[in-house]
Amino acid sequence: MGECHTQAHGTSSTEQLLSIVILTHNDGKFLEGCLRSVRENVSCSYEVILLDNGSTENKCEDIARQYPWLQVIRSERNLGFNAGSNVATARARGKYILLLNVDTVLLSDVTPAVHLLDSNCHIGVVGARAYTPSRRVRPSAGRFPRAWRLFLFRSLWLRRGVRYGPKEFHAFKVDWVEGSFFMTTAENWTAVGGFEEQNPLYGNDVDFCYETRARGLAAVQCADIKYVHFGGFGPSRMRYLYSGFRRYHEKFSSTTEQFAANLVLRGGLIARILVYGFWCRMTKNKRIEERLAQFIAVHRTWAQGIPH
């Protein structure tokens, strides 16, 4: 892994309050908008660490010249989101760490999240309110995936939790916040051990928030911080979603709860295959056919277990 350019935003390494970590893998169409929104909306002292996660676009040097305040790190291969985040945060010098997806645009300042972490020692993770490109609110926080909630994945999401923290902040206590905007203290990041690298995509935010709660700290969503998230869930990532749920219960649940979760997931998977199979036959819809194929692929690899 080689480094293209290293230069921090600010006057000295001891003055950095916030370390913003962004990963990119052939995401050139989003990168400039994300970086521009950081420059325009972040008012506290910060540095930005960009990991070029095995991109083939070869834009590392161009981006470094265009944004000289970046620290750009290049990995020759795609490490995945979790492992890549751990590599990038190892360079962080701030008291606080913000993991920000490259396919996001900040609409407001992020300093309320810093103030929340700074003013309440019982808060360990802060998320923000996400919007679609058309400026509709999209869920970005949720509940832990207990077995009975896995009957319907949508039940895991929360629009708003219980009011929490200082009154001047519109913060709500939740079980977990989405990893597309994920702020924590450097101390908590180190204590938890960063993101688990077993599952390269989904479940990292939920696992981290569970570990944070085990330390006696809460996860909150701050409605005063707004951002657009362009990304979405694609059928090709279905196996990572199921692996994330299974891995969560393997780590944190009792034997009974884990058995129940696997039963619900497997039963729901079979039901989805039957429903989507009938739907596909009736409509000949390509999107339905693609989703059906992914459900079948998950079912076929179920016996292989959870990636380790």
C-alpha atoms as a PDB file:
ATOM      1  CA  MET A   1       0.000   0.000   0.000  1.00  0.00           C
ATOM      2  CA  GLY A   2       1.583   3.285  -1.061  1.00  0.00           C
ATOM      3  CA  GLU A   3       0.791   6.865  -0.187  1.00  0.00           C
ATOM      4  CA  CYS A   4       0.238   9.457  -2.887  1.00  0.00           C
ATOM      5  CA  HIS A   5       0.115  12.617  -0.863  1.00  0.00           C
ATOM      6  CA  THR A   6       0.038  13.655   2.766  1.00  0.00           C
ATOM      7  CA  GLN A   7      -0.926  17.110   3.948  1.00  0.00           C
ATOM      8  CA  ALA A   8      -3.328  17.935   6.749  1.00  0.00           C
ATOM      9  CA  HIS A   9      -5.901  20.717   6.849  1.00  0.00           C
ATOM     10  CA  GLY A  10      -4.818  23.034   9.683  1.00  0.00           C
ATOM     11  CA  THR A  11      -1.654  24.417  11.147  1.00  0.00           C
ATOM     12  CA  SER A  12      -0.375  21.544  13.260  1.00  0.00           C
ATOM     13  CA  SER A  13      -1.203  17.953  14.080  1.00  0.00           C
ATOM     14  CA  THR A  14      -1.943  18.821  17.718  1.00  0.00           C
ATOM     15  CA  GLU A  15      -4.760  21.187  16.728  1.00  0.00           C
ATOM     16  CA  GLN A  16      -6.906  18.711  14.805  1.00  0.00           C
ATOM     17  CA  LEU A  17     -10.246  18.272  16.552  1.00  0.00           C
ATOM     18  CA  LEU A  18     -11.997  16.081  13.972  1.00  0.00           C
ATOM     19  CA  SER A  19     -10.639  13.424  11.633  1.00  0.00           C
ATOM     20  CA  ILE A  20     -12.945  12.820   8.653  1.00  0.00           C
ATOM     21  CA  VAL A  21     -12.364   9.455   6.964  1.00  0.00           C
ATOM     22  CA  ILE A  22     -13.617   8.796   3.413  1.00  0.00           C
ATOM     23  CA  LEU A  23     -13.139   5.652   1.327  1.00  0.00           C
ATOM     24  CA  THR A  24     -13.355   5.584  -2.440  1.00  0.00           C
ATOM     25  CA  HIS A  25     -13.412   2.689  -4.893  1.00  0.00           C
ATOM     26  CA  ASN A  26     -13.962   3.992  -8.435  1.00  0.00           C
ATOM     27  CA  ASP A  27     -16.310   6.652  -7.025  1.00  0.00           C
ATOM     28  CA  GLY A  28     -15.011   9.621  -8.982  1.00  0.00           C
ATOM     29  CA  LYS A  29     -18.517  10.850  -9.817  1.00  0.00           C
ATOM     30  CA  PHE A  30     -19.261  11.374  -6.102  1.00  0.00           C
ATOM     31  CA  LEU A  31     -15.885  12.328  -4.681  1.00  0.00           C
ATOM     32  CA  GLU A  32     -15.664  15.993  -5.634  1.00  0.00           C
ATOM     33  CA  GLY A  33     -19.159  16.766  -4.375  1.00  0.00           C
ATOM     34  CA  CYS A  34     -18.428  15.075  -1.065  1.00  0.00           C
ATOM     35  CA  LEU A  35     -15.127  16.894  -0.560  1.00  0.00           C
ATOM     36  CA  ARG A  36     -16.638  20.225  -1.571  1.00  0.00           C
ATOM     37  CA  SER A  37     -19.453  19.801   0.940  1.00  0.00           C
ATOM     38  CA  VAL A  38     -16.912  19.075   3.688  1.00  0.00           C
ATOM     39  CA  ARG A  39     -14.966  22.216   2.857  1.00  0.00           C
ATOM     40  CA  GLU A  40     -18.138  24.321   2.786  1.00  0.00           C
ATOM     41  CA  ASN A  41     -19.896  22.941   5.859  1.00  0.00           C
ATOM     42  CA  VAL A  42     -17.369  21.898   8.511  1.00  0.00           C
ATOM     43  CA  SER A  43     -16.497  24.827  10.768  1.00  0.00           C
ATOM     44  CA  CYS A  44     -14.340  23.118  13.407  1.00  0.00           C
ATOM     45  CA  SER A  45     -10.679  22.197  12.991  1.00  0.00           C
ATOM     46  CA  TYR A  46     -10.425  19.042  10.918  1.00  0.00           C
ATOM     47  CA  GLU A  47      -8.350  16.809   8.709  1.00  0.00           C
ATOM     48  CA  VAL A  48      -9.590  14.596   5.881  1.00  0.00           C
ATOM     49  CA  ILE A  49      -8.119  11.154   5.266  1.00  0.00           C
ATOM     50  CA  LEU A  50      -9.032   9.635   1.907  1.00  0.00           C
ATOM     51  CA  LEU A  51      -8.362   5.964   1.253  1.00  0.00           C
ATOM     52  CA  ASP A  52      -8.242   5.052  -2.431  1.00  0.00           C
ATOM     53  CA  ASN A  53      -9.462   1.516  -1.887  1.00  0.00           C
ATOM     54  CA  GLY A  54      -8.048  -0.341  -4.875  1.00  0.00           C
ATOM     55  CA  SER A  55      -9.572   1.955  -7.505  1.00  0.00           C
ATOM     56  CA  THR A  56      -8.773   1.409 -11.160  1.00  0.00           C
ATOM     57  CA  GLU A  57      -9.647   5.012 -12.068  1.00  0.00           C
ATOM     58  CA  ASN A  58      -6.137   6.143 -11.050  1.00  0.00           C
ATOM     59  CA  LYS A  59      -7.318   9.557  -9.833  1.00  0.00           C
ATOM     60  CA  CYS A  60      -5.258   9.590  -6.657  1.00  0.00           C
ATOM     61  CA  GLU A  61      -2.651  12.097  -7.825  1.00  0.00           C
ATOM     62  CA  ASP A  62      -5.221  14.358  -9.509  1.00  0.00           C
ATOM     63  CA  ILE A  63      -7.355  14.514  -6.362  1.00  0.00           C
ATOM     64  CA  ALA A  64      -4.297  15.217  -4.199  1.00  0.00           C
ATOM     65  CA  ARG A  65      -3.303  18.149  -6.431  1.00  0.00           C
ATOM     66  CA  GLN A  66      -6.835  19.524  -6.517  1.00  0.00           C
ATOM     67  CA  TYR A  67      -7.334  19.208  -2.742  1.00  0.00           C
ATOM     68  CA  PRO A  68      -3.889  19.710  -1.164  1.00  0.00           C
ATOM     69  CA  TRP A  69      -5.342  19.567   2.358  1.00  0.00           C
ATOM     70  CA  LEU A  70      -6.153  15.869   1.924  1.00  0.00           C
ATOM     71  CA  GLN A  71      -4.216  12.960   3.274  1.00  0.00           C
ATOM     72  CA  VAL A  72      -4.504  10.446   0.451  1.00  0.00           C
ATOM     73  CA  ILE A  73      -3.625   6.813   1.051  1.00  0.00           C
ATOM     74  CA  ARG A  74      -3.703   4.240  -1.727  1.00  0.00           C
ATOM     75  CA  SER A  75      -4.329   0.535  -1.325  1.00  0.00           C
ATOM     76  CA  GLU A  76      -3.428  -1.645  -4.288  1.00  0.00           C
ATOM     77  CA  ARG A  77      -6.472  -3.844  -3.632  1.00  0.00           C
ATOM     78  CA  ASN A  78      -9.996  -3.271  -2.402  1.00  0.00           C
ATOM     79  CA  LEU A  79      -9.901  -3.991   1.332  1.00  0.00           C
ATOM     80  CA  GLY A  80     -13.658  -3.665   1.754  1.00  0.00           C
ATOM     81  CA  PHE A  81     -15.357  -0.954   3.765  1.00  0.00           C
ATOM     82  CA  ASN A  82     -14.627  -2.313   7.237  1.00  0.00           C
ATOM     83  CA  ALA A  83     -10.947  -3.154   6.827  1.00  0.00           C
ATOM     84  CA  GLY A  84     -10.417  -0.017   4.748  1.00  0.00           C
ATOM     85  CA  SER A  85     -11.934   2.140   7.488  1.00  0.00           C
ATOM     86  CA  ASN A  86      -9.604   0.566  10.043  1.00  0.00           C
ATOM     87  CA  VAL A  87      -6.560   1.280   7.859  1.00  0.00           C
ATOM     88  CA  ALA A  88      -7.577   4.902   7.292  1.00  0.00           C
ATOM     89  CA  THR A  89      -8.490   5.656  10.915  1.00  0.00           C
ATOM     90  CA  ALA A  90      -5.066   4.424  12.000  1.00  0.00           C
ATOM     91  CA  ARG A  91      -3.803   7.729  10.521  1.00  0.00           C
ATOM     92  CA  ALA A  92      -6.363   9.836  12.401  1.00  0.00           C
ATOM     93  CA  ARG A  93      -5.043  12.482  14.797  1.00  0.00           C
ATOM     94  CA  GLY A  94      -8.313  14.048  15.899  1.00  0.00           C
ATOM     95  CA  LYS A  95     -10.094  13.683  19.206  1.00  0.00           C
ATOM     96  CA  TYR A  96     -13.176  12.705  17.205  1.00  0.00           C
ATOM     97  CA  ILE A  97     -13.549  10.514  14.118  1.00  0.00           C
ATOM     98  CA  LEU A  98     -16.204  10.908  11.421  1.00  0.00           C
ATOM     99  CA  LEU A  99     -16.644   8.087   8.921  1.00  0.00           C
ATOM    100  CA  LEU A 100     -18.341   9.648   5.911  1.00  0.00           C
ATOM    101  CA  ASN A 101     -19.434   7.728   2.815  1.00  0.00           C
ATOM    102  CA  VAL A 102     -18.058   9.060  -0.441  1.00  0.00           C
ATOM    103  CA  ASP A 103     -21.559   9.053  -1.969  1.00  0.00           C
ATOM    104  CA  THR A 104     -22.806  11.692   0.468  1.00  0.00           C
ATOM    105  CA  VAL A 105     -23.083  15.479   0.463  1.00  0.00           C
ATOM    106  CA  LEU A 106     -23.249  17.403   3.713  1.00  0.00           C
ATOM    107  CA  LEU A 107     -26.128  19.888   3.918  1.00  0.00           C
ATOM    108  CA  SER A 108     -25.180  21.352   7.295  1.00  0.00           C
ATOM    109  CA  ASP A 109     -22.294  21.728   9.715  1.00  0.00           C
ATOM    110  CA  VAL A 110     -21.208  18.621  11.629  1.00  0.00           C
ATOM    111  CA  THR A 111     -20.081  20.453  14.765  1.00  0.00           C
ATOM    112  CA  PRO A 112     -23.345  19.699  16.672  1.00  0.00           C
ATOM    113  CA  ALA A 113     -22.175  16.055  16.696  1.00  0.00           C
ATOM    114  CA  VAL A 114     -18.820  17.143  18.122  1.00  0.00           C
ATOM    115  CA  HIS A 115     -20.609  19.209  20.779  1.00  0.00           C
ATOM    116  CA  LEU A 116     -22.836  16.261  21.695  1.00  0.00           C
ATOM    117  CA  LEU A 117     -19.844  13.992  22.244  1.00  0.00           C
ATOM    118  CA  ASP A 118     -18.025  16.763  24.086  1.00  0.00           C
ATOM    119  CA  SER A 119     -20.908  17.748  26.362  1.00  0.00           C
ATOM    120  CA  ASN A 120     -22.199  14.327  27.406  1.00  0.00           C
ATOM    121  CA  CYS A 121     -19.804  11.609  28.515  1.00  0.00           C
ATOM    122  CA  HIS A 122     -22.596   9.028  28.140  1.00  0.00           C
ATOM    123  CA  ILE A 123     -22.807   9.446  24.352  1.00  0.00           C
ATOM    124  CA  GLY A 124     -20.442   7.294  22.325  1.00  0.00           C
ATOM    125  CA  VAL A 125     -21.722   7.474  18.724  1.00  0.00           C
ATOM    126  CA  VAL A 126     -23.550  10.206  16.810  1.00  0.00           C
ATOM    127  CA  GLY A 127     -25.366   9.851  13.499  1.00  0.00           C
ATOM    128  CA  ALA A 128     -27.222  12.375  11.350  1.00  0.00           C
ATOM    129  CA  ARG A 129     -30.469  12.708   9.416  1.00  0.00           C
ATOM    130  CA  ALA A 130     -30.126  11.335   5.886  1.00  0.00           C
ATOM    131  CA  TYR A 131     -32.004  12.502   2.808  1.00  0.00           C
ATOM    132  CA  THR A 132     -32.492  11.098  -0.670  1.00  0.00           C
ATOM    133  CA  PRO A 133     -31.256  13.128  -3.675  1.00  0.00           C
ATOM    134  CA  SER A 134     -34.838  14.434  -3.982  1.00  0.00           C
ATOM    135  CA  ARG A 135     -34.570  15.679  -0.351  1.00  0.00           C
ATOM    136  CA  ARG A 136     -36.921  13.148   1.176  1.00  0.00           C
ATOM    137  CA  VAL A 137     -35.960  11.844   4.614  1.00  0.00           C
ATOM    138  CA  ARG A 138     -34.547   8.324   4.443  1.00  0.00           C
ATOM    139  CA  PRO A 139     -34.060   6.081   7.513  1.00  0.00           C
ATOM    140  CA  SER A 140     -30.504   6.166   8.849  1.00  0.00           C
ATOM    141  CA  ALA A 141     -30.836   4.746  12.370  1.00  0.00           C
ATOM    142  CA  GLY A 142     -32.474   1.707  13.845  1.00  0.00           C
ATOM    143  CA  ARG A 143     -33.006  -1.049  16.378  1.00  0.00           C
ATOM    144  CA  PHE A 144     -30.813  -4.042  17.069  1.00  0.00           C
ATOM    145  CA  PRO A 145     -31.826  -7.055  14.922  1.00  0.00           C
ATOM    146  CA  ARG A 146     -33.530  -9.189  17.534  1.00  0.00           C
ATOM    147  CA  ALA A 147     -34.863 -12.455  16.139  1.00  0.00           C
ATOM    148  CA  TRP A 148     -38.514 -11.404  16.103  1.00  0.00           C
ATOM    149  CA  ARG A 149     -37.670  -8.176  14.229  1.00  0.00           C
ATOM    150  CA  LEU A 150     -36.102 -10.159  11.400  1.00  0.00           C
ATOM    151  CA  PHE A 151     -39.538 -11.241  10.221  1.00  0.00           C
ATOM    152  CA  LEU A 152     -39.667  -7.839   8.498  1.00  0.00           C
ATOM    153  CA  PHE A 153     -36.392  -6.036   7.785  1.00  0.00           C
ATOM    154  CA  ARG A 154     -38.141  -2.663   7.685  1.00  0.00           C
ATOM    155  CA  SER A 155     -38.942  -3.013  11.387  1.00  0.00           C
ATOM    156  CA  LEU A 156     -35.236  -2.520  12.111  1.00  0.00           C
ATOM    157  CA  TRP A 157     -35.342   1.111  11.002  1.00  0.00           C
ATOM    158  CA  LEU A 158     -36.360   4.034  13.217  1.00  0.00           C
ATOM    159  CA  ARG A 159     -37.616   7.428  12.125  1.00  0.00           C
ATOM    160  CA  ARG A 160     -36.958   8.921  15.559  1.00  0.00           C
ATOM    161  CA  GLY A 161     -35.892   7.570  18.930  1.00  0.00           C
ATOM    162  CA  VAL A 162     -36.238   8.925  22.463  1.00  0.00           C
ATOM    163  CA  ARG A 163     -35.011  12.493  23.050  1.00  0.00           C
ATOM    164  CA  TYR A 164     -31.539  12.375  24.591  1.00  0.00           C
ATOM    165  CA  GLY A 165     -28.728  14.725  25.534  1.00  0.00           C
ATOM    166  CA  PRO A 166     -28.681  18.514  26.017  1.00  0.00           C
ATOM    167  CA  LYS A 167     -31.939  20.253  25.128  1.00  0.00           C
ATOM    168  CA  GLU A 168     -30.309  22.588  22.630  1.00  0.00           C
ATOM    169  CA  PHE A 169     -29.589  19.608  20.382  1.00  0.00           C
ATOM    170  CA  HIS A 170     -32.296  17.658  18.600  1.00  0.00           C
ATOM    171  CA  ALA A 171     -30.728  14.310  19.464  1.00  0.00           C
ATOM    172  CA  PHE A 172     -32.582  11.025  19.831  1.00  0.00           C
ATOM    173  CA  LYS A 173     -31.372   7.814  21.409  1.00  0.00           C
ATOM    174  CA  VAL A 174     -31.325   4.845  19.031  1.00  0.00           C
ATOM    175  CA  ASP A 175     -29.724   1.398  19.016  1.00  0.00           C
ATOM    176  CA  TRP A 176     -27.468   2.138  16.048  1.00  0.00           C
ATOM    177  CA  VAL A 177     -26.795   4.742  13.389  1.00  0.00           C
ATOM    178  CA  GLU A 178     -25.952   4.125   9.748  1.00  0.00           C
ATOM    179  CA  GLY A 179     -22.280   3.973   8.806  1.00  0.00           C
ATOM    180  CA  SER A 180     -22.677   6.526   5.988  1.00  0.00           C
ATOM    181  CA  PHE A 181     -22.342   9.256   8.666  1.00  0.00           C
ATOM    182  CA  PHE A 182     -20.796   7.801  11.787  1.00  0.00           C
ATOM    183  CA  MET A 183     -19.045   9.921  14.413  1.00  0.00           C
ATOM    184  CA  THR A 184     -17.384   8.665  17.581  1.00  0.00           C
ATOM    185  CA  THR A 185     -14.485   9.573  19.822  1.00  0.00           C
ATOM    186  CA  ALA A 186     -11.005   8.323  19.041  1.00  0.00           C
ATOM    187  CA  GLU A 187     -10.993   6.789  22.522  1.00  0.00           C
ATOM    188  CA  ASN A 188     -14.169   4.798  21.876  1.00  0.00           C
ATOM    189  CA  TRP A 189     -12.968   3.721  18.431  1.00  0.00           C
ATOM    190  CA  THR A 190      -9.795   2.338  19.964  1.00  0.00           C
ATOM    191  CA  ALA A 191     -11.593   0.714  22.907  1.00  0.00           C
ATOM    192  CA  VAL A 192     -14.079  -1.092  20.648  1.00  0.00           C
ATOM    193  CA  GLY A 193     -11.332  -2.034  18.215  1.00  0.00           C
ATOM    194  CA  GLY A 194     -12.724  -0.369  15.106  1.00  0.00           C
ATOM    195  CA  PHE A 195     -14.933  -2.222  12.657  1.00  0.00           C
ATOM    196  CA  GLU A 196     -14.954  -6.002  12.531  1.00  0.00           C
ATOM    197  CA  GLU A 197     -13.440  -7.147   9.254  1.00  0.00           C
ATOM    198  CA  GLN A 198     -15.166 -10.547   8.892  1.00  0.00           C
ATOM    199  CA  ASN A 199     -18.068  -9.194   6.859  1.00  0.00           C
ATOM    200  CA  PRO A 200     -16.779  -6.647   4.321  1.00  0.00           C
ATOM    201  CA  LEU A 201     -19.963  -4.580   4.074  1.00  0.00           C
ATOM    202  CA  TYR A 202     -23.034  -4.725   6.288  1.00  0.00           C
ATOM    203  CA  GLY A 203     -23.321  -4.995  10.045  1.00  0.00           C
ATOM    204  CA  ASN A 204     -20.256  -2.964  10.982  1.00  0.00           C
ATOM    205  CA  ASP A 205     -22.277  -0.006  12.275  1.00  0.00           C
ATOM    206  CA  VAL A 206     -24.705  -2.212  14.238  1.00  0.00           C
ATOM    207  CA  ASP A 207     -21.896  -4.263  15.807  1.00  0.00           C
ATOM    208  CA  PHE A 208     -19.911  -1.176  16.760  1.00  0.00           C
ATOM    209  CA  CYS A 209     -22.932   0.460  18.407  1.00  0.00           C
ATOM    210  CA  TYR A 210     -23.662  -2.722  20.339  1.00  0.00           C
ATOM    211  CA  GLU A 211     -20.081  -2.817  21.601  1.00  0.00           C
ATOM    212  CA  THR A 212     -20.352   0.879  22.458  1.00  0.00           C
ATOM    213  CA  ARG A 213     -23.514   0.270  24.483  1.00  0.00           C
ATOM    214  CA  ALA A 214     -21.712  -2.550  26.305  1.00  0.00           C
ATOM    215  CA  ARG A 215     -19.252   0.134  27.443  1.00  0.00           C
ATOM    216  CA  GLY A 216     -22.159   2.113  28.932  1.00  0.00           C
ATOM    217  CA  LEU A 217     -22.375   4.640  26.083  1.00  0.00           C
ATOM    218  CA  ALA A 218     -25.364   5.534  23.932  1.00  0.00           C
ATOM    219  CA  ALA A 219     -25.802   5.992  20.188  1.00  0.00           C
ATOM    220  CA  VAL A 220     -27.821   9.043  19.168  1.00  0.00           C
ATOM    221  CA  GLN A 221     -29.097  10.538  15.944  1.00  0.00           C
ATOM    222  CA  CYS A 222     -28.779  14.310  15.670  1.00  0.00           C
ATOM    223  CA  ALA A 223     -31.562  15.797  13.562  1.00  0.00           C
ATOM    224  CA  ASP A 224     -29.711  19.127  13.317  1.00  0.00           C
ATOM    225  CA  ILE A 225     -27.137  17.518  11.025  1.00  0.00           C
ATOM    226  CA  LYS A 226     -28.403  16.775   7.532  1.00  0.00           C
ATOM    227  CA  TYR A 227     -26.830  15.084   4.548  1.00  0.00           C
ATOM    228  CA  VAL A 228     -27.765  13.534   1.220  1.00  0.00           C
ATOM    229  CA  HIS A 229     -26.925   9.878   0.698  1.00  0.00           C
ATOM    230  CA  PHE A 230     -26.966   8.846  -2.946  1.00  0.00           C
ATOM    231  CA  GLY A 231     -26.248   5.178  -2.334  1.00  0.00           C
ATOM    232  CA  GLY A 232     -28.740   2.409  -1.905  1.00  0.00           C
ATOM    233  CA  PHE A 233     -29.046  -1.281  -1.290  1.00  0.00           C
ATOM    234  CA  GLY A 234     -28.592  -3.444  -4.382  1.00  0.00           C
ATOM    235  CA  PRO A 235     -29.634  -7.088  -4.800  1.00  0.00           C
ATOM    236  CA  SER A 236     -26.001  -8.066  -5.423  1.00  0.00           C
ATOM    237  CA  ARG A 237     -25.251  -7.266  -1.787  1.00  0.00           C
ATOM    238  CA  MET A 238     -27.966  -9.497  -0.365  1.00  0.00           C
ATOM    239  CA  ARG A 239     -25.546 -12.137   0.907  1.00  0.00           C
ATOM    240  CA  TYR A 240     -23.635  -9.531   2.910  1.00  0.00           C
ATOM    241  CA  LEU A 241     -26.850  -8.390   4.577  1.00  0.00           C
ATOM    242  CA  TYR A 242     -27.752 -11.921   5.662  1.00  0.00           C
ATOM    243  CA  SER A 243     -24.166 -12.580   6.752  1.00  0.00           C
ATOM    244  CA  GLY A 244     -24.231  -9.412   8.839  1.00  0.00           C
ATOM    245  CA  PHE A 245     -27.372 -10.500  10.690  1.00  0.00           C
ATOM    246  CA  ARG A 246     -26.039 -14.002  11.286  1.00  0.00           C
ATOM    247  CA  ARG A 247     -22.673 -12.723  12.448  1.00  0.00           C
ATOM    248  CA  TYR A 248     -24.353 -10.315  14.896  1.00  0.00           C
ATOM    249  CA  HIS A 249     -26.237 -13.148  16.587  1.00  0.00           C
ATOM    250  CA  GLU A 250     -23.181 -15.391  16.585  1.00  0.00           C
ATOM    251  CA  LYS A 251     -21.277 -12.696  18.496  1.00  0.00           C
ATOM    252  CA  PHE A 252     -23.829 -11.225  20.861  1.00  0.00           C
ATOM    253  CA  SER A 253     -26.831 -13.547  21.303  1.00  0.00           C
ATOM    254  CA  SER A 254     -27.569 -16.511  23.499  1.00  0.00           C
ATOM    255  CA  THR A 255     -27.758 -19.936  21.879  1.00  0.00           C
ATOM    256  CA  THR A 256     -31.554 -19.764  21.948  1.00  0.00           C
ATOM    257  CA  GLU A 257     -31.686 -16.304  20.395  1.00  0.00           C
ATOM    258  CA  GLN A 258     -29.172 -17.283  17.731  1.00  0.00           C
ATOM    259  CA  PHE A 259     -31.190 -20.384  16.843  1.00  0.00           C
ATOM    260  CA  ALA A 260     -34.380 -18.317  16.627  1.00  0.00           C
ATOM    261  CA  ALA A 261     -32.699 -15.688  14.448  1.00  0.00           C
ATOM    262  CA  ASN A 262     -31.365 -18.297  12.025  1.00  0.00           C
ATOM    263  CA  LEU A 263     -34.770 -19.943  11.906  1.00  0.00           C
ATOM    264  CA  VAL A 264     -36.493 -16.645  11.117  1.00  0.00           C
ATOM    265  CA  LEU A 265     -33.879 -15.666   8.522  1.00  0.00           C
ATOM    266  CA  ARG A 266     -33.939 -19.038   6.781  1.00  0.00           C
ATOM    267  CA  GLY A 267     -37.718 -19.258   6.843  1.00  0.00           C
ATOM    268  CA  GLY A 268     -38.053 -15.712   5.564  1.00  0.00           C
ATOM    269  CA  LEU A 269     -35.529 -16.442   2.818  1.00  0.00           C
ATOM    270  CA  ILE A 270     -37.502 -19.465   1.605  1.00  0.00           C
ATOM    271  CA  ALA A 271     -40.744 -17.467   1.729  1.00  0.00           C
ATOM    272  CA  ARG A 272     -39.149 -14.676  -0.321  1.00  0.00           C
ATOM    273  CA  ILE A 273     -37.951 -17.190  -2.914  1.00  0.00           C
ATOM    274  CA  LEU A 274     -41.477 -18.573  -3.268  1.00  0.00           C
ATOM    275  CA  VAL A 275     -43.125 -15.129  -3.447  1.00  0.00           C
ATOM    276  CA  TYR A 276     -40.575 -13.624  -5.823  1.00  0.00           C
ATOM    277  CA  GLY A 277     -40.610 -16.791  -7.933  1.00  0.00           C
ATOM    278  CA  PHE A 278     -44.370 -16.498  -8.419  1.00  0.00           C
ATOM    279  CA  TRP A 279     -44.085 -12.721  -8.965  1.00  0.00           C
ATOM    280  CA  CYS A 280     -41.321 -13.212 -11.529  1.00  0.00           C
ATOM    281  CA  ARG A 281     -43.305 -15.829 -13.441  1.00  0.00           C
ATOM    282  CA  MET A 282     -46.371 -13.575 -13.556  1.00  0.00           C
ATOM    283  CA  THR A 283     -44.654 -10.317 -14.533  1.00  0.00           C
ATOM    284  CA  LYS A 284     -41.394 -11.329 -16.280  1.00  0.00           C
ATOM    285  CA  ASN A 285     -39.905  -8.269 -14.597  1.00  0.00           C
ATOM    286  CA  LYS A 286     -36.091  -8.153 -14.857  1.00  0.00           C
ATOM    287  CA  ARG A 287     -35.639  -6.418 -11.472  1.00  0.00           C
ATOM    288  CA  ILE A 288     -37.765  -9.037  -9.748  1.00  0.00           C
ATOM    289  CA  GLU A 289     -35.826 -11.747 -11.551  1.00  0.00           C
ATOM    290  CA  GLU A 290     -32.517 -10.263 -10.358  1.00  0.00           C
ATOM    291  CA  ARG A 291     -33.688 -10.111  -6.757  1.00  0.00           C
ATOM    292  CA  LEU A 292     -34.979 -13.675  -6.944  1.00  0.00           C
ATOM    293  CA  ALA A 293     -31.598 -14.838  -8.241  1.00  0.00           C
ATOM    294  CA  GLN A 294     -29.853 -13.245  -5.265  1.00  0.00           C
ATOM    295  CA  PHE A 295     -32.230 -14.845  -2.762  1.00  0.00           C
ATOM    296  CA  ILE A 296     -31.564 -18.215  -4.385  1.00  0.00           C
ATOM    297  CA  ALA A 297     -27.791 -17.582  -4.242  1.00  0.00           C
ATOM    298  CA  VAL A 298     -27.999 -16.802  -0.508  1.00  0.00           C
ATOM    299  CA  HIS A 299     -30.010 -19.980   0.070  1.00  0.00           C
ATOM    300  CA  ARG A 300     -27.533 -22.122  -1.844  1.00  0.00           C
ATOM    301  CA  THR A 301     -24.552 -20.853   0.164  1.00  0.00           C
ATOM    302  CA  TRP A 302     -26.313 -20.927   3.551  1.00  0.00           C
ATOM    303  CA  ALA A 303     -24.648 -24.162   4.651  1.00  0.00           C
ATOM    304  CA  GLN A 304     -21.206 -22.654   4.060  1.00  0.00           C
ATOM    305  CA  GLY A 305     -21.786 -20.583   7.174  1.00  0.00           C
ATOM    306  CA  ILE A 306     -20.774 -17.041   8.022  1.00  0.00           C
ATOM    307  CA  PRO A 307     -17.599 -15.595   6.475  1.00  0.00           C
ATOM    308  CA  HIS A 308     -14.723 -15.610   8.971  1.00  0.00           C
END
